[in-house]
Protein backbone atom coordinates (compact mmCIF):
# COMPACT_ATOMS: atom_id res chain seq x y z
CA MET A 1 2.19 26.41 -18.67
CA HIS A 2 4.03 24.55 -15.92
CA ARG A 3 3.55 20.93 -14.90
CA LEU A 4 4.07 19.16 -11.60
CA ALA A 5 4.96 15.47 -11.78
CA PHE A 6 3.76 13.78 -8.61
CA SER A 7 2.99 10.40 -7.10
CA LYS A 8 -0.04 9.28 -5.13
CA ALA A 9 0.34 6.36 -2.73
CA ASP A 10 -0.72 4.82 0.57
CA THR A 11 -3.87 6.38 2.07
CA ALA A 12 -3.66 9.32 -0.38
CA LYS A 13 -4.92 7.03 -3.14
CA PHE A 14 -8.38 7.30 -1.55
CA ILE A 15 -8.50 11.09 -2.08
CA SER A 16 -11.02 11.84 -4.82
CA HIS A 17 -10.16 13.92 -7.87
CA LEU A 18 -12.03 17.02 -6.68
CA ASP A 19 -10.55 16.78 -3.20
CA LEU A 20 -7.10 16.36 -4.74
CA MET A 21 -7.56 19.60 -6.68
CA ARG A 22 -8.57 21.39 -3.48
CA THR A 23 -5.62 19.84 -1.66
CA PHE A 24 -3.17 21.23 -4.20
CA GLN A 25 -4.78 24.68 -4.14
CA ARG A 26 -4.48 24.85 -0.35
CA SER A 27 -0.93 23.47 -0.47
CA PHE A 28 0.18 26.18 -2.90
CA LEU A 29 -1.05 28.75 -0.35
CA ARG A 30 0.69 27.02 2.57
CA ALA A 31 3.91 26.74 0.57
CA GLY A 32 3.81 30.45 -0.29
CA ILE A 33 3.85 29.71 -4.01
CA HIS A 34 1.81 32.12 -6.11
CA ILE A 35 0.10 30.64 -9.16
CA LYS A 36 -2.14 32.09 -11.84
CA HIS A 37 -5.80 32.62 -10.93
CA THR A 38 -8.84 33.15 -13.09
CA GLU A 39 -10.14 36.71 -13.45
CA GLY A 40 -13.50 38.06 -12.37
CA PHE A 41 -15.44 38.53 -9.13
CA ASN A 42 -14.66 35.05 -7.79
CA PRO A 43 -11.13 34.15 -8.90
CA HIS A 44 -9.87 30.64 -8.26
CA ALA A 45 -6.55 28.93 -8.80
CA PHE A 46 -5.92 27.84 -12.38
CA VAL A 47 -4.98 24.17 -11.88
CA SER A 48 -5.96 21.06 -13.81
CA ILE A 49 -5.09 17.37 -13.97
CA PRO A 50 -5.23 16.16 -17.59
CA LEU A 51 -5.95 12.52 -16.74
CA PRO A 52 -7.89 12.11 -13.47
CA LEU A 53 -7.05 9.00 -11.46
CA SER A 54 -9.76 6.69 -10.13
CA VAL A 55 -10.22 6.57 -6.37
CA GLY A 56 -8.25 3.69 -4.86
CA TYR A 57 -5.56 3.68 -7.56
CA SER A 58 -1.95 4.45 -6.70
CA SER A 59 0.28 6.19 -9.24
CA SER A 60 3.88 7.22 -9.81
CA CYS A 61 3.20 9.38 -12.88
CA GLU A 62 0.49 11.96 -12.13
CA VAL A 63 0.63 15.40 -13.75
CA LEU A 64 -0.89 18.68 -12.58
CA GLU A 65 -0.91 21.78 -14.78
CA CYS A 66 -0.61 25.30 -13.36
CA GLN A 67 1.25 28.56 -13.91
CA VAL A 68 3.86 29.35 -11.24
CA LEU A 69 4.35 33.11 -11.04
CA ASP A 70 7.24 34.02 -8.76
CA THR A 71 9.03 30.87 -7.57
CA PRO A 72 12.00 29.16 -9.29
CA LEU A 73 10.69 25.86 -10.66
CA GLU A 74 13.48 23.88 -8.99
CA GLU A 75 12.25 25.07 -5.57
CA VAL A 76 8.64 24.03 -6.09
CA PRO A 77 8.95 20.30 -5.21
CA ARG A 78 10.63 20.92 -1.84
CA ARG A 79 8.17 23.62 -0.78
CA MET A 80 5.12 21.72 -1.98
CA ASN A 81 6.16 18.45 -0.31
CA ALA A 82 6.42 20.28 3.01
CA ALA A 83 2.80 21.41 2.59
CA LEU A 84 1.15 18.36 1.00
CA PRO A 85 -0.38 15.48 3.01
CA ALA A 86 1.39 12.15 3.37
CA GLY A 87 1.27 9.98 0.28
CA ILE A 88 1.38 12.83 -2.26
CA THR A 89 4.92 13.64 -3.40
CA VAL A 90 5.97 16.13 -6.07
CA GLN A 91 9.02 14.89 -7.98
CA ARG A 92 9.60 17.91 -10.20
CA CYS A 93 8.15 21.06 -11.71
CA TYR A 94 8.90 21.83 -15.35
CA GLU A 95 7.82 23.76 -18.42
CA GLY A 96 5.04 21.89 -20.21
CA VAL A 97 5.75 21.60 -23.92
CA ARG A 98 3.63 18.83 -25.38
CA PRO A 99 -0.17 19.29 -25.68
CA VAL A 100 -2.54 17.06 -23.74
CA LYS A 101 -3.78 15.54 -27.01
CA ASP A 102 -0.35 13.82 -27.29
CA LEU A 103 -1.11 11.85 -24.12
CA TYR A 104 -2.11 8.67 -25.92
CA TYR A 105 -1.50 5.62 -23.70
CA VAL A 106 -1.36 4.76 -20.00
CA ASN A 107 0.67 1.93 -18.49
CA TYR A 108 -1.11 0.17 -15.61
CA ILE A 109 0.04 -2.64 -13.37
CA VAL A 110 -2.99 -4.60 -12.17
CA THR A 111 -2.36 -7.20 -9.47
CA LEU A 112 -5.05 -9.87 -9.13
CA GLU A 113 -4.97 -11.30 -5.62
CA TYR A 114 -6.33 -14.67 -4.51
CA GLU A 115 -6.77 -15.69 -0.88
CA ALA A 116 -6.06 -19.34 -1.68
CA GLY A 117 -3.34 -18.66 -4.27
CA ALA A 118 -3.67 -18.21 -8.01
CA PRO A 119 -6.03 -20.86 -9.48
CA PHE A 120 -4.56 -23.47 -11.80
CA GLY A 121 -4.68 -22.21 -15.38
CA ALA A 122 -5.52 -18.62 -14.48
CA GLU A 123 -2.55 -17.17 -16.36
CA SER A 124 -3.31 -18.99 -19.63
CA ALA A 125 -7.05 -18.29 -19.35
CA ILE A 126 -6.49 -14.54 -18.91
CA ARG A 127 -3.88 -14.45 -21.67
CA GLY A 128 -6.31 -16.17 -24.00
CA LEU A 129 -9.07 -13.74 -23.08
CA LEU A 130 -6.89 -10.72 -23.88
CA SER A 131 -5.80 -12.32 -27.16
CA ARG A 132 -9.33 -12.52 -28.56
CA ASP A 133 -10.27 -10.66 -31.71
CA SER A 134 -13.10 -8.98 -29.83
CA LEU A 135 -14.04 -8.58 -26.17
CA VAL A 136 -17.29 -6.68 -25.68
CA MET A 137 -18.33 -5.35 -22.28
CA GLU A 138 -20.96 -2.95 -21.03
CA LYS A 139 -19.91 0.26 -19.30
CA ARG A 140 -21.79 3.18 -17.84
CA SER A 141 -22.41 6.13 -20.14
CA LYS A 142 -24.11 9.45 -19.39
CA LYS A 143 -24.83 9.93 -23.10
CA ALA A 144 -26.77 6.68 -23.61
CA LYS A 145 -30.48 6.67 -22.79
CA SER A 146 -30.11 3.32 -21.03
CA GLY A 147 -27.16 4.58 -19.00
CA LYS A 148 -24.95 1.90 -20.49
CA VAL A 149 -23.08 1.33 -23.73
CA GLU A 150 -21.24 -1.65 -25.21
CA VAL A 151 -17.53 -1.25 -25.89
CA ASP A 152 -15.00 -3.60 -27.50
CA LEU A 153 -11.96 -3.63 -25.22
CA ILE A 154 -9.47 -5.19 -27.66
CA PRO A 155 -8.87 -2.10 -29.89
CA LEU A 156 -8.17 -0.11 -26.71
CA ILE A 157 -5.47 -2.50 -25.46
CA ALA A 158 -2.11 -1.74 -27.08
CA LYS A 159 -0.06 -4.27 -25.10
CA ALA A 160 -0.85 -6.83 -22.42
CA THR A 161 1.52 -9.08 -20.49
CA VAL A 162 0.24 -11.66 -17.99
CA GLU A 163 2.53 -13.13 -15.33
CA GLU A 164 1.45 -15.64 -12.68
CA ARG A 165 3.15 -15.58 -9.31
CA ARG A 166 2.60 -17.75 -6.26
CA ASP A 167 -0.47 -15.98 -4.90
CA THR A 168 -1.22 -13.39 -7.60
CA VAL A 169 -1.49 -12.76 -11.32
CA ALA A 170 0.09 -9.50 -12.53
CA LEU A 171 -1.18 -7.73 -15.64
CA ASP A 172 1.14 -5.22 -17.31
CA LEU A 173 -1.23 -3.23 -19.53
CA ILE A 174 -0.77 -0.36 -21.97
CA LEU A 175 -4.22 1.06 -22.62
CA LYS A 176 -5.67 3.89 -24.68
CA ALA A 177 -5.70 7.02 -22.53
CA GLN A 178 -8.49 9.14 -24.02
CA ASN A 179 -11.00 9.64 -26.83
CA PRO A 180 -11.93 6.98 -25.80
CA GLY A 181 -9.87 5.71 -22.88
CA LEU A 182 -10.08 2.34 -21.17
CA ASN A 183 -10.37 1.94 -17.41
CA PRO A 184 -8.54 -1.26 -16.37
CA GLU A 185 -11.44 -2.12 -14.06
CA LEU A 186 -13.34 -3.12 -17.21
CA ILE A 187 -10.65 -5.70 -17.94
CA VAL A 188 -11.03 -7.15 -14.45
CA SER A 189 -14.80 -7.21 -14.99
CA ALA A 190 -14.23 -9.09 -18.25
CA ILE A 191 -12.11 -11.67 -16.41
CA ARG A 192 -14.91 -12.14 -13.86
CA THR A 193 -17.46 -12.51 -16.68
CA TYR A 194 -15.61 -14.70 -19.18
CA CYS A 195 -13.07 -16.49 -16.94
CA PRO A 196 -14.92 -16.98 -13.64
CA ASP A 197 -12.42 -19.61 -12.45
CA ALA A 198 -9.70 -16.95 -12.68
CA ALA A 199 -11.75 -14.21 -11.00
CA PRO A 200 -9.68 -12.55 -8.25
CA ASP A 201 -10.75 -11.91 -4.69
CA TYR A 202 -9.18 -8.46 -4.93
CA ALA A 203 -7.60 -6.29 -7.62
CA VAL A 204 -4.95 -3.63 -6.97
CA PHE A 205 -4.40 -0.90 -9.57
CA HIS A 206 -1.25 1.16 -10.11
CA ARG A 207 -0.63 3.72 -12.85
CA ARG A 208 3.04 3.49 -13.82
CA ALA A 209 3.51 5.74 -16.86
CA VAL A 210 1.74 8.07 -19.26
CA LEU A 211 2.92 7.70 -22.86
CA ASP A 212 2.66 9.26 -26.29
CA GLN A 213 1.64 7.45 -29.48
CA GLN A 214 5.19 6.09 -29.90
CA PHE A 215 5.10 4.65 -26.33
CA GLN A 216 7.55 7.28 -25.10
CA PRO A 217 7.02 9.22 -21.84
CA TRP A 218 4.64 12.16 -22.23
CA GLU A 219 5.77 15.33 -20.48
């Protein structure tokens, strides 16, 4: 199995997960890179993204899995970048060694923006919220009859740093990646619910790193 490490920025962050998969499949064709396909009457390219990114998020650490058949791996980034749309950049192509189950944490930078500047006390209020013993929020769930389920966010937050700047508050978060994972939008929703005076006008999300259980880069 081969993996492509790529970034997603600018207008490309509004490409949905399914459209991103189609974009890569078409780009492999345009780049003249043959990859493994499924067998049967309707074969399709064998590509997957282990940790789909929410629409509107930028990222510098995305990973796509595939099987390159006849192209030296060191040539893949150059040829793919010539075929991909603006905002999607492949940094490298390499042999995947570690299983997806070892992808344990994700590092997000969440920037809370305020049109009138960060409110007085916002930093300490948010820090206190994330230091609670328990922080229960509702989230959507296809498995629950009601369509919603309660989840305690605190056990899913490994590390959280809060830094107030002139007009923003930056959250540096290391969150559980899967089984279950935590979407940082739930943390922003918790701020709006429990710290309304610190509620942002906008929130910007960036995925900075994917990590293993020892907080080392997962590759």
